[in-house]
Amino acid sequence: MAEERQIYDRNLLYEEVWAEPIQVVAKRYGVSDVALGKTCRRMGVPLPGRGYWARLRAGRAEAKPPLPPLKPGQPQQALVHRMPPPPTPPEWAEEAGQAAPLETSEPIVVPASLENPHKLVVLASRYLAKAHPSGGLLLLARKACLDIRVSSGSVDRALRIFDAVIKTLEGVGLKVEVAVVEEAETPHPRDYRDSERRPQPRPG
């Protein structure tokens, strides 16, 4: 995804944050309200206080303060980096969200042993056999297979549960498959800076 850039203008930003709530303005810029608030403080743009919009609706809001002169080091303009909206979800995602609850005539029974496992379970089993624990769990979240996160001692049980569920779904005419999509990786809050926010795509 290509990164989009635009300019914050101090005078325009001042008018915007006093005309609409900062959440609305931030959405228009494609950033969070927290990030926009930090930008305003850095540029010396005063913000409405807590409860301002409720008092405004009631006709009791305080007057808008004037935009103060620039202090040394405060910019008149600033560059904002933002990512374009994520791609439209695939058709299967919308269908999955609208699916009716599954009804089965019998409860799903997890067998005591894994026999004739589904091909997706076989593939996950191979990945798990090679996986290294992270935080006490074996993770397959970034592999093109079932998203399984399980402790080493519960691998067999997890595979048996997945196998039973998949076979039940296919038994009522549904199709189970693995789809790989690209999703943005969110930076850690402590590393966050508006001008350096560059989420990288990762398989999910």
N, C-alpha and C. Protein backbone atom coordinates (compact mmCIF):
# COMPACT_ATOMS: atom_id res chain seq x y z
N MET A 1 0.83 -1.18 0.00
CA MET A 1 0.00 0.00 0.00
C MET A 1 0.87 1.24 0.00
N ALA A 2 0.63 2.14 -0.93
CA ALA A 2 1.40 3.36 -1.02
C ALA A 2 0.96 4.32 0.08
N GLU A 3 1.94 5.00 0.65
CA GLU A 3 1.65 5.95 1.71
C GLU A 3 1.20 7.28 1.13
N GLU A 4 0.20 7.90 1.74
CA GLU A 4 -0.28 9.20 1.31
C GLU A 4 0.31 10.27 2.23
N ARG A 5 0.62 11.43 1.64
CA ARG A 5 1.15 12.53 2.43
C ARG A 5 0.31 13.78 2.21
N GLN A 6 0.16 14.57 3.25
CA GLN A 6 -0.50 15.85 3.11
C GLN A 6 0.05 16.77 4.20
N ILE A 7 -0.32 18.04 4.10
CA ILE A 7 0.24 19.05 4.99
C ILE A 7 -0.79 19.51 6.01
N TYR A 8 -0.37 19.58 7.28
CA TYR A 8 -1.17 20.27 8.29
C TYR A 8 -0.82 21.75 8.20
N ASP A 9 -1.81 22.59 8.03
CA ASP A 9 -1.60 24.03 8.09
C ASP A 9 -2.14 24.52 9.43
N ARG A 10 -1.34 25.26 10.17
CA ARG A 10 -1.68 25.66 11.53
C ARG A 10 -2.99 26.46 11.59
N ASN A 11 -3.13 27.43 10.71
CA ASN A 11 -4.34 28.25 10.72
C ASN A 11 -5.58 27.44 10.39
N LEU A 12 -5.46 26.56 9.38
CA LEU A 12 -6.61 25.74 8.98
C LEU A 12 -6.96 24.75 10.09
N LEU A 13 -5.94 24.14 10.70
CA LEU A 13 -6.17 23.17 11.76
C LEU A 13 -6.90 23.83 12.94
N TYR A 14 -6.53 25.05 13.25
CA TYR A 14 -7.18 25.80 14.34
C TYR A 14 -8.67 25.98 14.05
N GLU A 15 -9.00 26.36 12.82
CA GLU A 15 -10.41 26.55 12.47
C GLU A 15 -11.17 25.22 12.51
N GLU A 16 -10.52 24.15 12.07
CA GLU A 16 -11.20 22.84 11.98
C GLU A 16 -11.52 22.28 13.35
N VAL A 17 -10.56 22.32 14.29
CA VAL A 17 -10.79 21.68 15.59
C VAL A 17 -11.75 22.47 16.46
N TRP A 18 -12.04 23.74 16.08
CA TRP A 18 -13.05 24.50 16.81
C TRP A 18 -14.39 24.49 16.08
N ALA A 19 -14.42 23.92 14.88
CA ALA A 19 -15.67 23.82 14.14
C ALA A 19 -16.33 22.45 14.33
N GLU A 20 -15.51 21.40 14.58
CA GLU A 20 -16.01 20.04 14.75
C GLU A 20 -15.19 19.33 15.81
N PRO A 21 -15.75 18.29 16.45
CA PRO A 21 -14.98 17.51 17.41
C PRO A 21 -13.71 16.94 16.78
N ILE A 22 -12.67 16.80 17.59
CA ILE A 22 -11.37 16.38 17.06
C ILE A 22 -11.44 14.99 16.44
N GLN A 23 -12.36 14.13 16.93
CA GLN A 23 -12.49 12.80 16.34
C GLN A 23 -12.93 12.89 14.88
N VAL A 24 -13.81 13.85 14.57
CA VAL A 24 -14.28 14.03 13.20
C VAL A 24 -13.16 14.57 12.32
N VAL A 25 -12.43 15.54 12.83
CA VAL A 25 -11.33 16.13 12.06
C VAL A 25 -10.23 15.09 11.82
N ALA A 26 -9.92 14.32 12.86
CA ALA A 26 -8.86 13.31 12.74
C ALA A 26 -9.21 12.27 11.69
N LYS A 27 -10.48 11.87 11.65
CA LYS A 27 -10.91 10.88 10.67
C LYS A 27 -10.71 11.40 9.25
N ARG A 28 -10.95 12.70 9.06
CA ARG A 28 -10.77 13.30 7.75
C ARG A 28 -9.30 13.30 7.32
N TYR A 29 -8.42 13.45 8.30
CA TYR A 29 -6.98 13.43 8.00
C TYR A 29 -6.43 12.01 7.92
N GLY A 30 -7.21 11.03 8.36
CA GLY A 30 -6.75 9.65 8.31
C GLY A 30 -5.82 9.28 9.44
N VAL A 31 -5.95 9.96 10.61
CA VAL A 31 -5.13 9.66 11.77
C VAL A 31 -6.03 9.52 12.99
N SER A 32 -5.46 9.12 14.12
CA SER A 32 -6.26 9.00 15.34
C SER A 32 -6.41 10.37 15.99
N ASP A 33 -7.44 10.50 16.84
CA ASP A 33 -7.63 11.77 17.53
C ASP A 33 -6.49 12.06 18.50
N VAL A 34 -5.88 11.00 19.05
CA VAL A 34 -4.72 11.18 19.94
C VAL A 34 -3.55 11.77 19.16
N ALA A 35 -3.29 11.23 17.97
CA ALA A 35 -2.20 11.74 17.14
C ALA A 35 -2.44 13.19 16.73
N LEU A 36 -3.69 13.49 16.37
CA LEU A 36 -3.99 14.86 15.95
C LEU A 36 -3.86 15.83 17.13
N GLY A 37 -4.25 15.38 18.31
CA GLY A 37 -4.11 16.22 19.50
C GLY A 37 -2.65 16.56 19.78
N LYS A 38 -1.77 15.55 19.61
CA LYS A 38 -0.34 15.79 19.81
C LYS A 38 0.18 16.80 18.79
N THR A 39 -0.30 16.68 17.54
CA THR A 39 0.12 17.62 16.50
C THR A 39 -0.32 19.03 16.84
N CYS A 40 -1.54 19.17 17.31
CA CYS A 40 -2.05 20.50 17.67
C CYS A 40 -1.20 21.12 18.78
N ARG A 41 -0.87 20.32 19.80
CA ARG A 41 -0.06 20.86 20.90
C ARG A 41 1.33 21.24 20.42
N ARG A 42 1.88 20.43 19.52
CA ARG A 42 3.21 20.73 19.00
C ARG A 42 3.21 22.02 18.17
N MET A 43 2.08 22.29 17.48
CA MET A 43 1.99 23.48 16.64
C MET A 43 1.39 24.67 17.39
N GLY A 44 1.09 24.50 18.67
CA GLY A 44 0.54 25.59 19.46
C GLY A 44 -0.89 25.93 19.11
N VAL A 45 -1.68 24.92 18.71
CA VAL A 45 -3.09 25.13 18.37
C VAL A 45 -3.94 24.77 19.59
N PRO A 46 -4.67 25.72 20.17
CA PRO A 46 -5.51 25.41 21.34
C PRO A 46 -6.66 24.48 20.95
N LEU A 47 -7.04 23.62 21.88
CA LEU A 47 -8.12 22.66 21.64
C LEU A 47 -9.28 22.92 22.59
N PRO A 48 -10.51 22.61 22.17
CA PRO A 48 -11.65 22.73 23.09
C PRO A 48 -11.46 21.81 24.29
N GLY A 49 -11.87 22.27 25.46
CA GLY A 49 -11.73 21.47 26.67
C GLY A 49 -12.80 20.40 26.77
N ARG A 50 -12.66 19.56 27.78
CA ARG A 50 -13.63 18.48 27.99
C ARG A 50 -15.03 19.07 28.22
N GLY A 51 -16.00 18.52 27.54
CA GLY A 51 -17.39 18.96 27.69
C GLY A 51 -17.75 20.18 26.87
N TYR A 52 -16.81 20.67 26.05
CA TYR A 52 -17.07 21.89 25.27
C TYR A 52 -18.26 21.73 24.33
N TRP A 53 -18.33 20.58 23.62
CA TRP A 53 -19.37 20.41 22.60
C TRP A 53 -20.75 20.27 23.24
N ALA A 54 -20.81 19.66 24.42
CA ALA A 54 -22.09 19.56 25.12
C ALA A 54 -22.54 20.95 25.58
N ARG A 55 -21.60 21.74 26.09
CA ARG A 55 -21.94 23.10 26.52
C ARG A 55 -22.33 23.97 25.33
N LEU A 56 -21.68 23.71 24.18
CA LEU A 56 -22.00 24.47 22.97
C LEU A 56 -23.44 24.21 22.54
N ARG A 57 -23.85 22.93 22.59
CA ARG A 57 -25.23 22.59 22.22
C ARG A 57 -26.23 23.22 23.17
N ALA A 58 -25.80 23.38 24.42
CA ALA A 58 -26.69 23.97 25.42
C ALA A 58 -26.60 25.49 25.44
N GLY A 59 -25.74 26.05 24.59
CA GLY A 59 -25.61 27.51 24.52
C GLY A 59 -24.81 28.11 25.65
N ARG A 60 -23.96 27.27 26.32
CA ARG A 60 -23.21 27.77 27.47
C ARG A 60 -21.70 27.64 27.26
N ALA A 61 -21.25 27.44 26.04
CA ALA A 61 -19.83 27.23 25.78
C ALA A 61 -19.06 28.53 25.89
N GLU A 62 -17.80 28.39 26.33
CA GLU A 62 -16.93 29.56 26.40
C GLU A 62 -16.54 30.01 24.99
N ALA A 63 -16.10 31.24 24.87
CA ALA A 63 -15.70 31.78 23.58
C ALA A 63 -14.43 31.08 23.08
N LYS A 64 -14.32 30.95 21.78
CA LYS A 64 -13.13 30.35 21.19
C LYS A 64 -11.92 31.24 21.44
N PRO A 65 -10.85 30.70 22.01
CA PRO A 65 -9.67 31.53 22.25
C PRO A 65 -8.96 31.85 20.94
N PRO A 66 -8.27 32.98 20.87
CA PRO A 66 -7.55 33.31 19.64
C PRO A 66 -6.36 32.38 19.44
N LEU A 67 -5.95 32.23 18.21
CA LEU A 67 -4.76 31.44 17.90
C LEU A 67 -3.54 32.24 18.34
N PRO A 68 -2.76 31.72 19.28
CA PRO A 68 -1.62 32.48 19.79
C PRO A 68 -0.50 32.58 18.76
N PRO A 69 0.37 33.59 18.90
CA PRO A 69 1.52 33.69 18.00
C PRO A 69 2.41 32.46 18.12
N LEU A 70 3.12 32.16 17.06
CA LEU A 70 4.04 31.03 17.08
C LEU A 70 5.17 31.26 18.08
N LYS A 71 5.49 30.22 18.83
CA LYS A 71 6.64 30.27 19.73
C LYS A 71 7.86 29.73 18.98
N PRO A 72 9.05 30.03 19.44
CA PRO A 72 10.26 29.50 18.80
C PRO A 72 10.20 27.97 18.71
N GLY A 73 10.43 27.46 17.53
CA GLY A 73 10.43 26.01 17.33
C GLY A 73 9.10 25.44 16.91
N GLN A 74 8.01 26.22 17.02
CA GLN A 74 6.71 25.71 16.59
C GLN A 74 6.54 25.93 15.09
N PRO A 75 6.14 24.89 14.35
CA PRO A 75 6.01 25.02 12.89
C PRO A 75 4.67 25.62 12.47
N GLN A 76 4.68 26.32 11.38
CA GLN A 76 3.44 26.82 10.78
C GLN A 76 2.74 25.72 10.01
N GLN A 77 3.54 24.81 9.46
CA GLN A 77 3.02 23.67 8.72
C GLN A 77 3.77 22.41 9.14
N ALA A 78 3.12 21.26 8.98
CA ALA A 78 3.74 19.98 9.32
C ALA A 78 3.27 18.92 8.34
N LEU A 79 4.15 18.00 8.07
CA LEU A 79 3.82 16.91 7.14
C LEU A 79 3.17 15.77 7.91
N VAL A 80 2.07 15.24 7.38
CA VAL A 80 1.42 14.09 8.01
C VAL A 80 1.51 12.91 7.06
N HIS A 81 1.88 11.77 7.60
CA HIS A 81 1.94 10.52 6.85
C HIS A 81 0.72 9.70 7.24
N ARG A 82 0.05 9.17 6.27
CA ARG A 82 -1.08 8.30 6.58
C ARG A 82 -1.18 7.21 5.53
N MET A 83 -1.79 6.11 5.93
CA MET A 83 -1.98 5.00 5.01
C MET A 83 -3.38 5.10 4.42
N PRO A 84 -3.54 4.75 3.14
CA PRO A 84 -4.87 4.76 2.54
C PRO A 84 -5.76 3.70 3.20
N PRO A 85 -7.06 3.79 3.01
CA PRO A 85 -7.96 2.80 3.61
C PRO A 85 -7.58 1.38 3.17
N PRO A 86 -7.78 0.40 4.04
CA PRO A 86 -7.46 -0.97 3.68
C PRO A 86 -8.28 -1.44 2.48
N PRO A 87 -7.78 -2.43 1.74
CA PRO A 87 -8.52 -2.92 0.58
C PRO A 87 -9.86 -3.52 0.98
N THR A 88 -10.77 -3.56 0.03
CA THR A 88 -12.08 -4.14 0.28
C THR A 88 -11.93 -5.61 0.65
N PRO A 89 -12.57 -6.05 1.73
CA PRO A 89 -12.46 -7.46 2.13
C PRO A 89 -12.93 -8.38 1.01
N PRO A 90 -12.36 -9.59 0.92
CA PRO A 90 -12.80 -10.53 -0.11
C PRO A 90 -14.25 -10.93 0.10
N GLU A 91 -14.86 -11.47 -0.96
CA GLU A 91 -16.28 -11.82 -0.91
C GLU A 91 -16.58 -12.82 0.20
N TRP A 92 -15.63 -13.74 0.43
CA TRP A 92 -15.91 -14.77 1.44
C TRP A 92 -16.03 -14.17 2.83
N ALA A 93 -15.34 -13.04 3.08
CA ALA A 93 -15.41 -12.41 4.40
C ALA A 93 -16.80 -11.85 4.66
N GLU A 94 -17.39 -11.22 3.64
CA GLU A 94 -18.74 -10.67 3.79
C GLU A 94 -19.75 -11.79 3.97
N GLU A 95 -19.57 -12.86 3.20
CA GLU A 95 -20.49 -14.00 3.31
C GLU A 95 -20.40 -14.64 4.68
N ALA A 96 -19.17 -14.71 5.20
CA ALA A 96 -18.99 -15.31 6.53
C ALA A 96 -19.67 -14.48 7.60
N GLY A 97 -19.62 -13.14 7.44
CA GLY A 97 -20.24 -12.27 8.43
C GLY A 97 -21.75 -12.34 8.41
N GLN A 98 -22.33 -12.76 7.29
CA GLN A 98 -23.78 -12.83 7.17
C GLN A 98 -24.32 -14.25 7.32
N ALA A 99 -23.43 -15.17 7.59
CA ALA A 99 -23.85 -16.58 7.65
C ALA A 99 -24.80 -16.83 8.82
N ALA A 100 -25.77 -17.67 8.59
CA ALA A 100 -26.70 -18.04 9.65
C ALA A 100 -26.02 -19.01 10.60
N PRO A 101 -26.45 -19.06 11.86
CA PRO A 101 -25.86 -20.01 12.81
C PRO A 101 -25.97 -21.44 12.29
N LEU A 102 -24.90 -22.20 12.53
CA LEU A 102 -24.88 -23.59 12.08
C LEU A 102 -25.68 -24.46 13.04
N GLU A 103 -26.56 -25.28 12.48
CA GLU A 103 -27.32 -26.20 13.29
C GLU A 103 -26.98 -27.63 12.88
N THR A 104 -26.64 -28.44 13.85
CA THR A 104 -26.33 -29.85 13.58
C THR A 104 -27.28 -30.71 14.40
N SER A 105 -27.56 -31.87 13.87
CA SER A 105 -28.49 -32.76 14.56
C SER A 105 -27.85 -33.43 15.77
N GLU A 106 -26.52 -33.55 15.76
CA GLU A 106 -25.80 -34.20 16.85
C GLU A 106 -24.69 -33.28 17.35
N PRO A 107 -24.32 -33.36 18.61
CA PRO A 107 -23.20 -32.57 19.11
C PRO A 107 -21.89 -33.01 18.45
N ILE A 108 -20.95 -32.09 18.38
CA ILE A 108 -19.64 -32.42 17.81
C ILE A 108 -18.85 -33.22 18.84
N VAL A 109 -18.44 -34.40 18.47
CA VAL A 109 -17.71 -35.28 19.37
C VAL A 109 -16.24 -35.31 18.96
N VAL A 110 -15.35 -34.99 19.90
CA VAL A 110 -13.91 -35.01 19.64
C VAL A 110 -13.41 -36.40 19.98
N PRO A 111 -12.86 -37.12 18.99
CA PRO A 111 -12.40 -38.49 19.25
C PRO A 111 -11.17 -38.53 20.16
N ALA A 112 -10.94 -39.70 20.74
CA ALA A 112 -9.80 -39.87 21.65
C ALA A 112 -8.48 -39.94 20.90
N SER A 113 -8.52 -40.25 19.61
CA SER A 113 -7.30 -40.32 18.82
C SER A 113 -7.57 -39.71 17.45
N LEU A 114 -6.50 -39.24 16.82
CA LEU A 114 -6.62 -38.59 15.52
C LEU A 114 -6.52 -39.65 14.42
N GLU A 115 -7.64 -39.91 13.74
CA GLU A 115 -7.67 -40.93 12.70
C GLU A 115 -8.12 -40.33 11.38
N ASN A 116 -7.41 -40.65 10.33
CA ASN A 116 -7.72 -40.14 8.99
C ASN A 116 -7.98 -38.62 9.03
N PRO A 117 -6.99 -37.83 9.50
CA PRO A 117 -7.22 -36.39 9.68
C PRO A 117 -7.45 -35.65 8.37
N HIS A 118 -8.14 -34.54 8.46
CA HIS A 118 -8.38 -33.66 7.32
C HIS A 118 -7.04 -33.12 6.84
N LYS A 119 -6.94 -32.80 5.54
CA LYS A 119 -5.67 -32.35 4.96
C LYS A 119 -5.17 -31.05 5.61
N LEU A 120 -6.09 -30.17 6.04
CA LEU A 120 -5.65 -28.95 6.71
C LEU A 120 -5.06 -29.25 8.08
N VAL A 121 -5.59 -30.26 8.73
CA VAL A 121 -5.06 -30.67 10.03
C VAL A 121 -3.69 -31.32 9.85
N VAL A 122 -3.53 -32.10 8.80
CA VAL A 122 -2.24 -32.73 8.52
C VAL A 122 -1.18 -31.66 8.29
N LEU A 123 -1.52 -30.63 7.50
CA LEU A 123 -0.57 -29.57 7.22
C LEU A 123 -0.20 -28.81 8.49
N ALA A 124 -1.21 -28.49 9.31
CA ALA A 124 -0.95 -27.80 10.57
C ALA A 124 -0.07 -28.64 11.49
N SER A 125 -0.30 -29.93 11.49
CA SER A 125 0.50 -30.83 12.32
C SER A 125 1.97 -30.78 11.92
N ARG A 126 2.25 -30.72 10.62
CA ARG A 126 3.64 -30.63 10.15
C ARG A 126 4.30 -29.34 10.57
N TYR A 127 3.56 -28.23 10.48
CA TYR A 127 4.11 -26.94 10.90
C TYR A 127 4.36 -26.92 12.41
N LEU A 128 3.40 -27.45 13.17
CA LEU A 128 3.55 -27.47 14.63
C LEU A 128 4.75 -28.29 15.07
N ALA A 129 5.03 -29.36 14.33
CA ALA A 129 6.17 -30.22 14.68
C ALA A 129 7.49 -29.47 14.56
N LYS A 130 7.51 -28.44 13.70
CA LYS A 130 8.75 -27.67 13.48
C LYS A 130 8.75 -26.33 14.21
N ALA A 131 7.61 -25.96 14.82
CA ALA A 131 7.49 -24.64 15.44
C ALA A 131 8.26 -24.57 16.75
N HIS A 132 8.77 -23.38 17.06
CA HIS A 132 9.46 -23.13 18.32
C HIS A 132 8.54 -22.33 19.24
N PRO A 133 8.48 -22.67 20.53
CA PRO A 133 7.58 -21.97 21.45
C PRO A 133 7.90 -20.48 21.54
N SER A 134 6.86 -19.67 21.66
CA SER A 134 7.00 -18.23 21.86
C SER A 134 6.03 -17.84 22.96
N GLY A 135 6.56 -17.44 24.10
CA GLY A 135 5.69 -17.12 25.22
C GLY A 135 4.95 -18.34 25.74
N GLY A 136 5.54 -19.50 25.58
CA GLY A 136 4.91 -20.73 26.05
C GLY A 136 3.95 -21.37 25.07
N LEU A 137 3.79 -20.76 23.87
CA LEU A 137 2.85 -21.29 22.89
C LEU A 137 3.53 -21.55 21.56
N LEU A 138 3.03 -22.53 20.85
CA LEU A 138 3.42 -22.76 19.47
C LEU A 138 2.44 -21.97 18.60
N LEU A 139 2.97 -21.15 17.70
CA LEU A 139 2.12 -20.25 16.92
C LEU A 139 2.21 -20.57 15.44
N LEU A 140 1.04 -20.61 14.78
CA LEU A 140 0.99 -20.79 13.32
C LEU A 140 0.28 -19.61 12.68
N ALA A 141 0.22 -18.47 13.38
CA ALA A 141 -0.59 -17.35 12.91
C ALA A 141 -0.11 -16.78 11.58
N ARG A 142 1.17 -16.91 11.24
CA ARG A 142 1.67 -16.31 10.00
C ARG A 142 1.97 -17.36 8.93
N LYS A 143 1.47 -18.55 9.13
CA LYS A 143 1.62 -19.61 8.13
C LYS A 143 0.33 -19.72 7.33
N ALA A 144 0.46 -20.20 6.10
CA ALA A 144 -0.73 -20.39 5.26
C ALA A 144 -1.42 -21.70 5.63
N CYS A 145 -1.91 -21.74 6.85
CA CYS A 145 -2.61 -22.93 7.33
C CYS A 145 -3.54 -22.51 8.45
N LEU A 146 -4.11 -23.47 9.16
CA LEU A 146 -5.00 -23.16 10.27
C LEU A 146 -4.28 -22.29 11.30
N ASP A 147 -4.97 -21.28 11.80
CA ASP A 147 -4.39 -20.37 12.79
C ASP A 147 -4.50 -21.01 14.17
N ILE A 148 -3.47 -21.75 14.57
CA ILE A 148 -3.48 -22.47 15.84
C ILE A 148 -2.42 -21.89 16.76
N ARG A 149 -2.82 -21.65 18.02
CA ARG A 149 -1.89 -21.18 19.05
C ARG A 149 -2.13 -22.08 20.26
N VAL A 150 -1.15 -22.89 20.58
CA VAL A 150 -1.39 -23.93 21.58
C VAL A 150 -0.08 -24.27 22.30
N SER A 151 -0.18 -24.71 23.53
CA SER A 151 1.00 -25.14 24.27
C SER A 151 1.47 -26.49 23.72
N SER A 152 2.73 -26.79 23.94
CA SER A 152 3.31 -28.02 23.40
C SER A 152 2.56 -29.26 23.89
N GLY A 153 2.11 -29.23 25.12
CA GLY A 153 1.45 -30.41 25.69
C GLY A 153 0.02 -30.61 25.22
N SER A 154 -0.55 -29.61 24.50
CA SER A 154 -1.94 -29.72 24.07
C SER A 154 -2.09 -29.81 22.56
N VAL A 155 -0.99 -30.05 21.85
CA VAL A 155 -1.04 -30.09 20.38
C VAL A 155 -1.99 -31.17 19.89
N ASP A 156 -1.87 -32.38 20.43
CA ASP A 156 -2.71 -33.49 19.96
C ASP A 156 -4.19 -33.17 20.17
N ARG A 157 -4.52 -32.61 21.33
CA ARG A 157 -5.92 -32.29 21.62
C ARG A 157 -6.42 -31.20 20.67
N ALA A 158 -5.59 -30.18 20.42
CA ALA A 158 -6.00 -29.10 19.52
C ALA A 158 -6.26 -29.63 18.11
N LEU A 159 -5.39 -30.50 17.64
CA LEU A 159 -5.57 -31.06 16.30
C LEU A 159 -6.83 -31.89 16.22
N ARG A 160 -7.13 -32.65 17.27
CA ARG A 160 -8.35 -33.46 17.28
C ARG A 160 -9.60 -32.58 17.27
N ILE A 161 -9.55 -31.45 18.00
CA ILE A 161 -10.69 -30.53 18.03
C ILE A 161 -10.90 -29.91 16.65
N PHE A 162 -9.82 -29.41 16.05
CA PHE A 162 -9.94 -28.82 14.71
C PHE A 162 -10.46 -29.84 13.71
N ASP A 163 -9.95 -31.05 13.78
CA ASP A 163 -10.36 -32.08 12.83
C ASP A 163 -11.85 -32.39 12.97
N ALA A 164 -12.33 -32.48 14.22
CA ALA A 164 -13.75 -32.77 14.45
C ALA A 164 -14.64 -31.64 13.95
N VAL A 165 -14.22 -30.39 14.19
CA VAL A 165 -15.03 -29.25 13.77
C VAL A 165 -15.07 -29.14 12.25
N ILE A 166 -13.92 -29.30 11.60
CA ILE A 166 -13.86 -29.19 10.14
C ILE A 166 -14.71 -30.27 9.48
N LYS A 167 -14.60 -31.49 9.97
CA LYS A 167 -15.37 -32.58 9.38
C LYS A 167 -16.87 -32.38 9.60
N THR A 168 -17.25 -31.80 10.72
CA THR A 168 -18.67 -31.51 10.97
C THR A 168 -19.18 -30.46 10.00
N LEU A 169 -18.38 -29.41 9.78
CA LEU A 169 -18.77 -28.35 8.84
C LEU A 169 -18.93 -28.90 7.44
N GLU A 170 -17.97 -29.70 7.01
CA GLU A 170 -18.05 -30.26 5.66
C GLU A 170 -19.18 -31.28 5.56
N GLY A 171 -19.53 -31.88 6.68
CA GLY A 171 -20.62 -32.85 6.68
C GLY A 171 -21.98 -32.22 6.43
N VAL A 172 -22.11 -30.91 6.71
CA VAL A 172 -23.38 -30.23 6.45
C VAL A 172 -23.30 -29.37 5.19
N GLY A 173 -22.28 -29.64 4.36
CA GLY A 173 -22.21 -28.99 3.05
C GLY A 173 -21.39 -27.72 2.98
N LEU A 174 -20.68 -27.37 4.04
CA LEU A 174 -19.84 -26.17 4.00
C LEU A 174 -18.42 -26.52 3.57
N LYS A 175 -17.71 -25.53 3.04
CA LYS A 175 -16.35 -25.74 2.60
C LYS A 175 -15.40 -25.01 3.52
N VAL A 176 -14.37 -25.68 3.96
CA VAL A 176 -13.37 -25.08 4.84
C VAL A 176 -12.06 -24.95 4.08
N GLU A 177 -11.52 -23.73 4.03
CA GLU A 177 -10.25 -23.52 3.36
C GLU A 177 -9.49 -22.41 4.07
N VAL A 178 -8.21 -22.30 3.77
CA VAL A 178 -7.36 -21.26 4.36
C VAL A 178 -7.18 -20.16 3.33
N ALA A 179 -7.43 -18.91 3.75
CA ALA A 179 -7.23 -17.76 2.87
C ALA A 179 -6.20 -16.85 3.50
N VAL A 180 -5.23 -16.40 2.73
CA VAL A 180 -4.19 -15.50 3.22
C VAL A 180 -4.53 -14.09 2.77
N VAL A 181 -4.62 -13.15 3.72
CA VAL A 181 -4.91 -11.75 3.41
C VAL A 181 -3.79 -10.89 3.96
N GLU A 182 -3.66 -9.68 3.41
CA GLU A 182 -2.65 -8.74 3.89
C GLU A 182 -3.29 -7.79 4.88
N GLU A 183 -2.64 -7.59 6.03
CA GLU A 183 -3.16 -6.66 7.02
C GLU A 183 -2.01 -5.79 7.52
N ALA A 184 -2.35 -4.55 7.93
CA ALA A 184 -1.33 -3.61 8.38
C ALA A 184 -0.87 -3.96 9.79
N GLU A 185 0.43 -3.84 10.04
CA GLU A 185 0.98 -4.09 11.36
C GLU A 185 1.05 -2.77 12.11
N THR A 186 0.42 -2.69 13.27
CA THR A 186 0.35 -1.45 14.03
C THR A 186 1.62 -1.25 14.83
N PRO A 187 2.23 -0.05 14.77
CA PRO A 187 3.43 0.19 15.55
C PRO A 187 3.14 0.21 17.03
N HIS A 188 4.16 -0.08 17.84
CA HIS A 188 4.00 -0.04 19.29
C HIS A 188 3.77 1.40 19.72
N PRO A 189 2.85 1.66 20.70
CA PRO A 189 2.56 3.03 21.10
C PRO A 189 3.79 3.82 21.52
N ARG A 190 4.76 3.18 22.16
CA ARG A 190 5.94 3.91 22.60
C ARG A 190 6.82 4.34 21.44
N ASP A 191 6.67 3.67 20.30
CA ASP A 191 7.46 4.02 19.13
C ASP A 191 6.70 4.94 18.19
N TYR A 192 5.49 5.34 18.60
CA TYR A 192 4.61 6.06 17.68
C TYR A 192 5.02 7.52 17.54
N ARG A 193 5.11 7.96 16.30
CA ARG A 193 5.26 9.37 15.96
C ARG A 193 4.50 9.58 14.67
N ASP A 194 3.65 10.64 14.61
CA ASP A 194 2.81 10.82 13.42
C ASP A 194 3.62 10.80 12.13
N SER A 195 4.78 11.50 12.16
CA SER A 195 5.54 11.67 10.92
C SER A 195 6.34 10.43 10.55
N GLU A 196 6.35 9.41 11.43
CA GLU A 196 7.15 8.21 11.14
C GLU A 196 6.31 6.95 11.17
N ARG A 197 5.00 7.11 11.03
CA ARG A 197 4.11 5.95 11.11
C ARG A 197 4.08 5.26 9.76
N ARG A 198 4.66 4.09 9.68
CA ARG A 198 4.73 3.37 8.42
C ARG A 198 4.37 1.90 8.64
N PRO A 199 3.09 1.58 8.82
CA PRO A 199 2.71 0.17 8.99
C PRO A 199 3.13 -0.66 7.79
N GLN A 200 3.60 -1.86 8.06
CA GLN A 200 4.04 -2.76 7.01
C GLN A 200 3.03 -3.89 6.86
N PRO A 201 2.74 -4.29 5.63
CA PRO A 201 1.79 -5.41 5.45
C PRO A 201 2.37 -6.71 5.93
N ARG A 202 1.55 -7.56 6.49
CA ARG A 202 1.98 -8.88 6.90
C ARG A 202 0.88 -9.87 6.56
N PRO A 203 1.25 -11.10 6.31
CA PRO A 203 0.21 -12.10 6.00
C PRO A 203 -0.60 -12.43 7.23
N GLY A 204 -1.89 -12.58 7.05
CA GLY A 204 -2.74 -12.95 8.18
C GLY A 204 -3.76 -13.99 7.76
